[in-house]
Protein backbone atom coordinates (compact mmCIF):
# COMPACT_ATOMS: atom_id res chain seq x y z
CA UNK A 1 -12.33 8.18 -25.99
CA UNK A 2 -12.78 6.93 -22.42
CA UNK A 3 -13.27 3.20 -21.80
CA UNK A 4 -16.01 2.35 -19.40
CA UNK A 5 -14.19 -0.28 -17.57
CA UNK A 6 -14.32 -1.39 -13.98
CA UNK A 7 -11.42 -0.94 -11.70
CA UNK A 8 -10.75 -4.68 -11.69
CA UNK A 9 -10.73 -4.67 -15.48
CA UNK A 10 -8.39 -1.72 -15.50
CA UNK A 11 -6.15 -3.57 -12.99
CA UNK A 12 -6.07 -6.55 -15.32
CA UNK A 13 -5.06 -4.41 -18.25
CA UNK A 14 -2.35 -2.80 -16.07
CA UNK A 15 -0.93 -6.16 -15.29
CA UNK A 16 -1.59 -8.11 -18.58
CA UNK A 17 -0.42 -5.49 -21.11
CA UNK A 18 3.08 -5.06 -19.59
CA UNK A 19 3.27 -8.81 -19.13
CA UNK A 20 2.46 -9.56 -22.81
CA UNK A 21 4.98 -6.94 -23.73
CA UNK A 22 7.62 -8.53 -21.54
CA UNK A 23 6.78 -11.95 -22.99
CA UNK A 24 7.25 -10.72 -26.57
CA UNK A 25 10.46 -8.91 -25.60
CA UNK A 26 11.85 -12.02 -23.76
CA UNK A 27 10.95 -14.12 -26.84
CA UNK A 28 12.79 -11.76 -29.24
CA UNK A 29 15.73 -11.42 -27.02
CA UNK A 30 15.99 -15.13 -26.49
CA UNK A 31 15.84 -15.74 -30.24
CA UNK A 32 18.66 -13.20 -30.94
CA UNK A 33 20.79 -14.69 -28.21
CA UNK A 34 20.09 -18.17 -29.59
CA UNK A 35 21.31 -17.09 -33.01
CA UNK A 36 24.39 -15.59 -31.59
CA UNK A 37 25.12 -18.79 -29.63
CA UNK A 38 24.50 -20.76 -32.75
CA UNK A 39 26.99 -18.63 -34.65
CA UNK A 40 29.48 -19.13 -31.80
CA UNK A 41 28.97 -22.85 -31.91
CA UNK A 42 29.40 -22.83 -35.74
CA UNK A 43 32.65 -21.15 -35.33
CA UNK A 44 33.85 -23.48 -32.66
CA UNK A 45 32.69 -26.46 -34.77
CA UNK A 46 34.62 -25.12 -37.70
CA UNK A 47 37.82 -24.76 -35.61
CA UNK A 48 37.32 -28.49 -34.26
CA UNK A 49 37.07 -29.70 -37.87
CA UNK A 50 40.14 -27.95 -38.94
CA UNK A 51 42.10 -28.97 -35.86
CA UNK A 52 41.07 -32.53 -36.42
CA UNK A 53 42.14 -32.51 -40.12
CA UNK A 54 45.49 -31.17 -39.09
CA UNK A 55 45.85 -33.85 -36.48
CA UNK A 56 44.87 -36.49 -39.09
CA UNK A 57 47.56 -35.30 -41.47
CA UNK A 58 50.10 -35.36 -38.62
CA UNK A 59 49.16 -38.77 -37.46
CA UNK A 60 49.27 -39.98 -41.09
CA UNK A 61 52.75 -38.57 -41.38
CA UNK A 62 53.82 -40.28 -38.06
CA UNK A 63 52.37 -43.61 -39.38
CA UNK A 64 54.37 -43.26 -42.61
CA UNK A 65 57.59 -42.19 -40.87
CA UNK A 66 57.21 -45.31 -38.53
CA UNK A 67 56.59 -47.63 -41.53
CA UNK A 68 59.66 -46.35 -43.44
CA UNK A 69 61.82 -46.52 -40.33
CA UNK A 70 60.79 -50.23 -39.63
CA UNK A 71 61.31 -51.06 -43.42
CA UNK A 72 64.78 -49.71 -43.69
CA UNK A 73 66.25 -50.31 -40.24
CA UNK A 74 63.87 -52.60 -38.39
CA UNK A 75 63.83 -50.18 -35.47
CA UNK A 76 61.94 -51.68 -32.52
CA UNK A 77 60.56 -48.26 -31.29
CA UNK A 78 59.08 -47.40 -34.56
CA UNK A 79 57.66 -50.96 -34.87
CA UNK A 80 55.83 -50.38 -31.61
CA UNK A 81 54.78 -46.79 -32.68
CA UNK A 82 53.31 -47.80 -35.98
CA UNK A 83 50.17 -49.60 -34.56
CA UNK A 84 49.55 -46.48 -32.23
CA UNK A 85 49.83 -44.12 -35.12
CA UNK A 86 47.64 -46.41 -37.13
CA UNK A 87 44.87 -46.29 -34.47
CA UNK A 88 45.23 -42.56 -34.15
CA UNK A 89 44.57 -42.10 -37.90
CA UNK A 90 41.42 -44.30 -37.65
CA UNK A 91 40.20 -42.39 -34.52
CA UNK A 92 40.87 -39.04 -36.35
CA UNK A 93 38.77 -40.26 -39.26
CA UNK A 94 35.90 -41.30 -36.91
CA UNK A 95 36.02 -37.99 -34.97
CA UNK A 96 36.08 -36.11 -38.23
CA UNK A 97 32.97 -38.09 -39.31
CA UNK A 98 31.10 -37.28 -36.18
CA UNK A 99 32.08 -33.54 -36.50
CA UNK A 100 30.84 -33.27 -40.10
CA UNK A 101 27.64 -35.16 -39.30
CA UNK A 102 24.84 -34.61 -41.85
CA UNK A 103 26.56 -32.01 -44.01
CA UNK A 104 26.23 -33.76 -47.44
CA UNK A 105 28.98 -31.75 -49.29
CA UNK A 106 31.54 -32.15 -46.56
CA UNK A 107 30.41 -35.75 -45.94
CA UNK A 108 31.20 -36.57 -49.65
CA UNK A 109 34.64 -34.94 -49.36
CA UNK A 110 35.27 -36.89 -46.16
CA UNK A 111 34.29 -40.22 -47.91
CA UNK A 112 36.95 -39.54 -50.50
CA UNK A 113 39.54 -38.53 -47.93
CA UNK A 114 38.80 -41.66 -45.88
CA UNK A 115 39.35 -43.79 -48.88
CA UNK A 116 42.65 -42.16 -49.58
CA UNK A 117 43.60 -42.54 -45.94
CA UNK A 118 42.71 -46.24 -45.94
CA UNK A 119 44.78 -46.85 -49.06
CA UNK A 120 47.68 -45.10 -47.37
CA UNK A 121 47.40 -47.18 -44.29
CA UNK A 122 47.36 -50.27 -46.36
CA UNK A 123 50.52 -49.19 -48.18
CA UNK A 124 52.22 -48.29 -44.84
CA UNK A 125 51.41 -51.68 -43.41
CA UNK A 126 52.78 -53.45 -46.50
CA UNK A 127 55.89 -51.34 -46.42
CA UNK A 128 56.51 -52.02 -42.71
CA UNK A 129 56.22 -55.85 -43.20
CA UNK A 130 58.74 -55.88 -46.07
CA UNK A 131 62.11 -55.47 -44.48
CA UNK A 132 65.06 -54.54 -46.73
CA UNK A 133 67.16 -57.69 -46.43
CA UNK A 134 70.08 -56.59 -48.67
CA UNK A 135 71.00 -53.21 -49.92
CA UNK A 136 71.06 -54.04 -53.57
CA UNK A 137 70.50 -51.58 -56.32
CA UNK A 138 67.25 -53.36 -57.19
CA UNK A 139 66.09 -53.23 -53.56
CA UNK A 140 66.90 -49.60 -53.20
CA UNK A 141 65.18 -48.78 -56.41
CA UNK A 142 62.13 -50.69 -55.30
CA UNK A 143 62.19 -48.81 -51.99
CA UNK A 144 62.46 -45.55 -53.69
CA UNK A 145 59.47 -46.27 -55.88
CA UNK A 146 57.61 -47.19 -52.51
CA UNK A 147 58.71 -44.00 -50.91
CA UNK A 148 57.60 -41.98 -54.00
CA UNK A 149 54.21 -43.57 -53.88
CA UNK A 150 53.86 -42.88 -50.12
CA UNK A 151 54.62 -39.28 -50.70
CA UNK A 152 52.03 -39.18 -53.50
CA UNK A 153 49.44 -40.83 -51.28
CA UNK A 154 49.98 -38.41 -48.48
CA UNK A 155 49.74 -35.59 -50.97
CA UNK A 156 46.33 -36.99 -52.14
CA UNK A 157 45.16 -37.03 -48.58
CA UNK A 158 46.11 -33.39 -48.19
CA UNK A 159 44.24 -32.64 -51.40
CA UNK A 160 41.31 -34.55 -50.27
CA UNK A 161 41.19 -32.71 -46.98
CA UNK A 162 42.05 -29.30 -48.45
CA UNK A 163 38.39 -28.67 -49.64
CA UNK A 164 37.15 -29.47 -46.18
CA UNK A 165 39.61 -27.19 -44.61
CA UNK A 166 38.77 -24.33 -47.10
CA UNK A 167 35.05 -24.66 -46.44
CA UNK A 168 35.52 -24.38 -42.73
CA UNK A 169 38.03 -21.52 -42.98
CA UNK A 170 35.35 -19.58 -44.99
CA UNK A 171 33.07 -20.15 -42.02
CA UNK A 172 35.83 -18.83 -39.71
CA UNK A 173 36.37 -15.79 -41.87
CA UNK A 174 32.59 -14.86 -41.90
CA UNK A 175 31.74 -15.85 -38.34
CA UNK A 176 33.31 -12.88 -36.39
CA UNK A 177 31.42 -10.50 -38.72
CA UNK A 178 28.18 -12.46 -38.18
CA UNK A 179 28.67 -12.58 -34.41
CA UNK A 180 29.32 -8.87 -34.27
CA UNK A 181 26.11 -8.23 -36.11
CA UNK A 182 24.22 -10.54 -33.67
CA UNK A 183 25.68 -8.59 -30.69
CA UNK A 184 24.58 -5.38 -32.23
CA UNK A 185 21.11 -6.65 -32.70
CA UNK A 186 20.94 -7.89 -29.08
CA UNK A 187 22.10 -4.46 -27.90
CA UNK A 188 19.53 -2.75 -30.20
CA UNK A 189 16.77 -5.03 -28.96
CA UNK A 190 17.71 -4.19 -25.30
CA UNK A 191 17.62 -0.48 -26.06
CA UNK A 192 14.41 -0.71 -27.90
CA UNK A 193 12.89 -2.96 -25.30
CA UNK A 194 13.80 -0.67 -22.41
CA UNK A 195 12.65 2.41 -24.28
CA UNK A 196 9.29 0.88 -25.12
CA UNK A 197 8.93 -0.36 -21.60
CA UNK A 198 9.42 3.18 -20.22
CA UNK A 199 7.00 4.59 -22.81
CA UNK A 200 4.47 1.84 -21.87
CA UNK A 201 4.86 2.71 -18.19
CA UNK A 202 4.28 6.31 -18.95
CA UNK A 203 1.20 5.74 -21.08
CA UNK A 204 -0.33 3.37 -18.44
CA UNK A 205 0.26 5.98 -15.70
CA UNK A 206 -1.42 8.60 -17.84
CA UNK A 207 -4.27 6.30 -18.51
CA UNK A 208 -4.88 5.48 -14.84
CA UNK A 209 -4.18 9.07 -13.86
CA UNK A 210 -6.94 10.38 -16.08
CA UNK A 211 -9.34 7.65 -15.35
CA UNK A 212 -8.97 7.17 -11.61
CA UNK A 213 -6.71 9.78 -9.89
CA UNK A 214 -8.57 12.79 -11.41
CA UNK A 215 -11.93 11.44 -10.41
CA UNK A 216 -10.65 10.64 -6.87
CA UNK A 217 -9.44 14.23 -6.64
CA UNK A 218 -12.89 15.43 -7.61
CA UNK A 219 -14.43 13.21 -4.84
CA UNK A 220 -12.05 14.74 -2.43
CA UNK A 221 -13.01 18.18 -3.43
CA UNK A 222 -16.56 17.30 -3.00
CA UNK A 223 -15.87 16.09 0.54
CA UNK A 224 -14.30 19.31 1.30
CA UNK A 225 -17.23 21.16 -0.20
CA UNK A 226 -19.54 19.26 2.13
CA UNK A 227 -17.62 20.33 5.21
CA UNK A 228 -17.83 23.95 3.92
CA UNK A 229 -21.53 23.62 3.04
CA UNK A 230 -20.88 24.44 -0.68
CA UNK A 231 -22.54 22.92 -3.61
CA UNK A 232 -20.93 19.69 -5.01
CA UNK A 233 -19.32 19.34 -8.38
CA UNK A 234 -21.05 17.23 -10.99
CA UNK A 235 -20.77 13.43 -10.81
CA UNK A 236 -17.52 11.99 -12.14
CA UNK A 237 -19.25 9.83 -14.71
CA UNK A 238 -18.44 6.23 -15.80
CA UNK A 239 -19.81 2.88 -14.85
CA UNK A 240 -16.89 1.54 -12.58
CA UNK A 241 -16.70 1.33 -8.80
CA UNK A 242 -15.55 4.98 -8.41
CA UNK A 243 -18.59 6.19 -10.39
CA UNK A 244 -20.85 4.01 -8.17
CA UNK A 245 -19.24 5.40 -5.10
CA UNK A 246 -19.51 8.95 -6.26
CA UNK A 247 -23.19 8.40 -7.11
CA UNK A 248 -23.65 7.03 -3.61
CA UNK A 249 -21.77 9.94 -2.07
CA UNK A 250 -23.99 12.49 -3.97
CA UNK A 251 -27.18 10.59 -2.86
CA UNK A 252 -25.82 10.46 0.68
CA UNK A 253 -25.17 14.33 0.72
CA UNK A 254 -28.56 14.99 -0.77
CA UNK A 255 -30.13 12.89 1.99
CA UNK A 256 -28.06 14.59 4.72
CA UNK A 257 -28.99 18.03 3.40
CA UNK A 258 -32.62 17.03 3.28
CA UNK A 259 -32.44 15.63 6.85
CA UNK A 260 -30.74 18.82 7.95
CA UNK A 261 -33.32 20.98 6.33
CA UNK A 262 -36.11 18.91 7.98
CA UNK A 263 -34.32 19.21 11.39
CA UNK A 264 -34.06 23.11 11.01
CA UNK A 265 -37.75 23.15 10.16
CA UNK A 266 -38.49 20.99 13.21
CA UNK A 267 -36.42 23.26 15.48
CA UNK A 268 -38.19 26.30 14.08
CA UNK A 269 -41.50 24.51 14.75
CA UNK A 270 -40.37 23.73 18.35
CA UNK A 271 -39.03 27.33 18.78
CA UNK A 272 -42.05 29.17 17.54
CA UNK A 273 -44.99 26.98 17.33
CA UNK A 274 -44.39 25.01 20.57
CA UNK A 275 -42.40 27.11 22.95
CA UNK A 276 -44.54 30.28 22.49
CA UNK A 277 -47.91 28.52 23.43
CA UNK A 278 -46.21 26.76 26.41
CA UNK A 279 -44.99 30.15 27.61
CA UNK A 280 -48.52 31.50 27.37
CA UNK A 281 -49.89 28.46 29.25
CA UNK A 282 -47.30 29.02 31.91
CA UNK A 283 -48.38 32.65 32.20
CA UNK A 284 -52.06 31.64 32.61
CA UNK A 285 -51.24 29.13 35.24
CA UNK A 286 -49.20 31.75 37.12
CA UNK A 287 -52.16 34.13 37.02
CA UNK A 288 -54.46 31.35 38.30
CA UNK A 289 -52.15 30.40 41.25
CA UNK A 290 -51.87 34.15 42.17
CA UNK A 291 -55.68 34.37 42.32
CA UNK A 292 -56.19 36.73 39.37
CA UNK A 293 -59.26 34.78 38.49
CA UNK A 294 -60.51 34.60 41.98
CA UNK A 295 -59.79 32.34 44.95
CA UNK A 296 -59.39 28.74 43.95
CA UNK A 297 -59.89 25.55 46.11
CA UNK A 298 -56.77 24.16 47.75
CA UNK A 299 -56.98 21.00 45.59
CA UNK A 300 -57.11 23.19 42.44
CA UNK A 301 -53.98 25.17 43.61
CA UNK A 302 -52.14 21.79 44.04
CA UNK A 303 -52.97 20.70 40.50
CA UNK A 304 -51.98 24.04 39.17
CA UNK A 305 -48.64 23.85 41.03
CA UNK A 306 -48.10 20.30 39.52
CA UNK A 307 -48.99 21.51 36.10
CA UNK A 308 -46.52 24.46 36.55
CA UNK A 309 -43.67 22.07 37.48
CA UNK A 310 -44.18 19.96 34.61
CA UNK A 311 -44.60 22.84 32.20
CA UNK A 312 -41.33 24.35 33.53
CA UNK A 313 -39.49 21.08 32.87
CA UNK A 314 -41.00 20.82 29.43
CA UNK A 315 -39.96 24.51 28.66
CA UNK A 316 -36.46 23.70 29.96
CA UNK A 317 -36.23 20.61 27.72
CA UNK A 318 -37.19 22.68 24.71
CA UNK A 319 -34.69 25.32 25.54
CA UNK A 320 -31.91 22.68 26.09
CA UNK A 321 -32.78 21.16 22.79
CA UNK A 322 -32.57 24.54 21.09
CA UNK A 323 -29.31 25.40 22.75
CA UNK A 324 -27.74 22.00 21.89
CA UNK A 325 -28.80 22.23 18.31
CA UNK A 326 -27.39 25.84 18.07
CA UNK A 327 -24.03 24.76 19.44
CA UNK A 328 -23.93 21.59 17.28
CA UNK A 329 -24.53 23.67 14.05
CA UNK A 330 -21.87 26.16 15.00
CA UNK A 331 -24.38 29.05 15.47
CA UNK A 332 -23.39 29.73 19.02
CA UNK A 333 -20.59 32.29 19.20
CA UNK A 334 -18.38 32.50 22.40
CA UNK A 335 -17.60 35.86 23.99
CA UNK A 336 -14.05 34.98 25.16
CA UNK A 337 -12.42 36.87 28.10
CA UNK A 338 -10.06 36.18 30.99
CA UNK A 339 -12.03 34.66 33.83
CA UNK A 340 -10.62 34.19 37.34
CA UNK A 341 -11.39 30.60 38.32
CA UNK A 342 -12.18 31.65 41.93
CA UNK A 343 -14.90 34.10 40.64
CA UNK A 344 -16.55 31.36 38.36
CA UNK A 345 -16.65 28.95 41.30
CA UNK A 346 -18.21 31.58 43.64
CA UNK A 347 -20.91 32.53 41.13
CA UNK A 348 -21.85 28.87 40.60
CA UNK A 349 -21.97 28.14 44.39
CA UNK A 350 -24.21 31.16 44.83
CA UNK A 351 -26.57 29.82 42.18
CA UNK A 352 -27.13 26.47 43.84
CA UNK A 353 -26.80 27.53 47.42
CA UNK A 354 -30.51 27.12 48.18
CA UNK A 355 -30.60 23.65 46.57
CA UNK A 356 -27.61 22.68 48.77
CA UNK A 357 -29.31 24.13 51.98
CA UNK A 358 -32.45 22.17 51.32
CA UNK A 359 -30.38 18.95 51.64
CA UNK A 360 -28.00 20.35 54.23
CA UNK A 361 -25.01 19.91 52.08
CA UNK A 362 -21.62 21.69 52.67
CA UNK A 363 -20.22 23.11 49.40
CA UNK A 364 -16.34 23.53 50.04
CA UNK A 365 -14.32 25.10 47.44
CA UNK A 366 -10.59 25.74 46.75
CA UNK A 367 -9.13 27.47 43.60
CA UNK A 368 -5.58 28.24 42.56
CA UNK A 369 -4.86 31.80 41.47
CA UNK A 370 -5.54 30.81 37.72
CA UNK A 371 -7.50 32.58 34.94
CA UNK A 372 -9.50 30.75 32.29
CA UNK A 373 -9.75 31.93 28.64
CA UNK A 374 -13.34 31.39 27.70
CA UNK A 375 -16.95 32.60 27.76
CA UNK A 376 -17.95 33.08 31.50
CA UNK A 377 -21.63 32.67 31.10
CA UNK A 378 -21.33 29.39 29.23
CA UNK A 379 -18.71 27.99 31.60
CA UNK A 380 -20.87 29.06 34.45
CA UNK A 381 -23.71 27.02 32.85
CA UNK A 382 -21.42 24.04 32.74
CA UNK A 383 -20.25 24.31 36.45
CA UNK A 384 -23.90 24.94 37.67
CA UNK A 385 -25.12 21.86 35.78
CA UNK A 386 -22.40 19.69 37.38
CA UNK A 387 -23.09 21.17 40.79
CA UNK A 388 -26.85 20.60 40.32
CA UNK A 389 -26.24 16.99 39.48
CA UNK A 390 -23.91 16.53 42.46
CA UNK A 391 -26.48 17.99 44.78
CA UNK A 392 -29.24 15.88 43.23
CA UNK A 393 -27.46 12.65 43.82
CA UNK A 394 -25.58 13.42 47.14
CA UNK A 395 -27.07 12.06 50.34
CA UNK A 396 -28.48 14.62 52.76
CA UNK A 397 -25.81 16.17 55.14
CA UNK A 398 -22.95 15.34 52.79
CA UNK A 399 -20.19 17.33 51.32
CA UNK A 400 -19.44 18.55 47.76
CA UNK A 401 -15.93 19.78 46.88
CA UNK A 402 -15.24 22.25 44.00
CA UNK A 403 -11.54 22.78 42.96
CA UNK A 404 -9.63 24.50 40.22
CA UNK A 405 -6.02 23.91 39.27
CA UNK A 406 -3.48 24.48 36.46
CA UNK A 407 -2.54 21.39 34.58
CA UNK A 408 -0.13 21.62 31.58
CA UNK A 409 -1.47 24.82 30.36
CA UNK A 410 -5.10 23.94 31.05
CA UNK A 411 -7.34 24.81 33.94
CA UNK A 412 -9.03 21.74 35.42
CA UNK A 413 -12.20 22.38 37.37
CA UNK A 414 -13.60 19.37 39.29
CA UNK A 415 -16.70 18.68 41.27
CA UNK A 416 -16.48 15.77 43.84
CA UNK A 417 -19.63 14.28 45.44
CA UNK A 418 -20.26 11.28 47.70
CA UNK A 419 -23.18 9.99 45.79
CA UNK A 420 -23.74 6.59 44.27
CA UNK A 421 -21.13 7.11 41.59
CA UNK A 422 -20.87 6.13 37.87
CA UNK A 423 -20.02 2.71 36.71
CA UNK A 424 -17.13 2.54 34.39
CA UNK A 425 -19.14 1.21 31.37
CA UNK A 426 -21.56 4.25 31.73
CA UNK A 427 -18.78 6.99 31.89
CA UNK A 428 -18.94 7.75 28.14
CA UNK A 429 -22.57 7.08 27.56
CA UNK A 430 -23.84 9.64 30.11
CA UNK A 431 -22.54 12.49 27.94
CA UNK A 432 -24.72 11.48 25.08
CA UNK A 433 -28.20 13.02 24.41
CA UNK A 434 -31.13 11.63 26.43
CA UNK A 435 -28.82 9.17 28.17
CA UNK A 436 -29.41 8.47 31.85
CA UNK A 437 -27.60 5.91 34.07
CA UNK A 438 -30.82 4.63 35.76
CA UNK A 439 -34.42 4.95 34.78
CA UNK A 440 -35.51 6.58 38.06
CA UNK A 441 -33.24 9.63 37.20
CA UNK A 442 -36.07 10.95 34.96
CA UNK A 443 -38.29 10.91 38.03
CA UNK A 444 -36.18 13.32 39.91
CA UNK A 445 -36.08 15.93 37.09
CA UNK A 446 -33.45 14.67 34.64
CA UNK A 447 -33.88 15.16 30.88
CA UNK A 448 -30.73 13.56 29.78
CA UNK A 449 -29.52 16.68 27.96
CA UNK A 450 -27.67 18.58 30.66
CA UNK A 451 -24.30 16.70 30.35
CA UNK A 452 -24.55 16.65 26.49
CA UNK A 453 -24.87 20.46 26.61
CA UNK A 454 -21.97 20.73 28.98
CA UNK A 455 -19.89 18.56 26.63
CA UNK A 456 -20.72 20.78 23.67
CA UNK A 457 -19.83 23.98 25.58
CA UNK A 458 -16.44 22.63 26.80
CA UNK A 459 -15.57 21.37 23.26
CA UNK A 460 -16.43 24.84 21.93
CA UNK A 461 -13.59 26.06 24.23
CA UNK A 462 -11.24 23.31 22.76
CA UNK A 463 -11.43 21.50 26.06
CA UNK A 464 -12.51 17.96 27.48
CA UNK A 465 -15.05 16.80 29.87
CA UNK A 466 -14.97 13.64 31.90
CA UNK A 467 -15.85 11.74 34.99
CA UNK A 468 -13.71 9.58 37.50
CA UNK A 469 -14.56 7.41 40.43
CA UNK A 470 -14.00 9.01 43.84
CA UNK A 471 -12.04 7.02 46.35
CA UNK A 472 -14.35 6.11 49.14
CA UNK A 473 -17.47 6.40 46.89
CA UNK A 474 -18.92 8.95 44.73
CA UNK A 475 -17.92 10.69 41.44
CA UNK A 476 -15.51 13.37 40.27
CA UNK A 477 -16.90 15.34 37.33
CA UNK A 478 -14.26 17.60 35.72
CA UNK A 479 -13.64 19.62 32.60
CA UNK A 480 -10.40 21.16 31.25
CA UNK A 481 -10.36 24.35 29.31
CA UNK A 482 -7.39 26.55 28.14
CA UNK A 483 -5.77 28.84 30.72
CA UNK A 484 -5.35 32.53 30.06
CA UNK A 485 -1.95 33.57 28.91
CA UNK A 486 -1.59 35.81 31.82
CA UNK A 487 -1.95 32.96 34.24
CA UNK A 488 1.31 32.47 36.20
CA UNK A 489 2.87 28.98 36.25
CA UNK A 490 2.36 27.24 39.59
């Protein structure tokens, strides 16, 4: 069963479920530790009670010893020690009362022990204040009776506190076992908590892997299928953001393929339904200008010549569009071979020689002995286009330089002119389709497709095309294409 949750909701579950588990785990662990600490405190309390009772008995014995010593000998040291021992006994009783606190059974036992202790203190105080003035048989007998009574009272105190000690000793006997059990429970809770935490992490990972990662992999596969022009996998399903993105992706691909189909249909229309009639019209105009239909007036011949010029430019524009579309769709295959750069330059110069002579331009060329790996006809088309542009925008009587050199395994062919140049902000724009630097360029025969075609041809050769400013004015158009493996290092 798959939950139709948004990614934000899944993220909330990813955070909240482990958080709730951790809170429960911390609560249980805290409770177990609290029980263990309580048991340790109970053991320490029992030890304090037993220690206080033993101190009470010791201080009571010290008090009795001091009282007897003062009674028999009148010892000054014992006389000073008695009130201290007396206070210690009372302090021990108060401390014992604080330790026992609200325990009703122990409190009752302590009440009885306190009564016995107070009677003992009263007896000790009376005995201290009655000095034996003469050692008569009667006095000695009386003293013996008092001593026997003191021993009995001390024994009563031991009996009164014995029950308290036995109760606390039972606690001390059981406490180590209980503490051991508590430690075992804490260790067990830690083991179980860590184990459940690991299991929960695995479960959450599987949950998100199935619900998100798998669908992202399907989307990645669909993107690869688009690049290979293959049919897409079915939508991933669901109602979260990934499903919405996948639906948008499918819709976008459908729209792209629909637009691609329409573009192909348009190119077919241009190729067959537009270029063919234009070619027929050009043939008719050629026949008319040649006098096949009879001699025409001079004015009519001028109009026919203008129509032929416009028609030639339109046919060239259509051919450029078709060529550009063919290269963009990957339908244009290169016939790669080793091309001497010098031969490529000579062929291009011969092709534009008449245009250069019409403007009295000097075409100087220089080429290193390098070979280019590429399609000669296509690269010749690029170089002729660059030379034609240089001639078109160069002043009459100027000079154009054509050079070829080896640069880092690439052959760089450059065409330098002394024309108006290209502004820096236009150096990327001019290689786009139908882009011209200035509006009047169209008036001198520019269609805005020549450089775009050159760029596509160079990129088919895994090369680059660019333009730089020439020092002193003008432009340097250049392209770099791979050198042949047989080209020597210069």
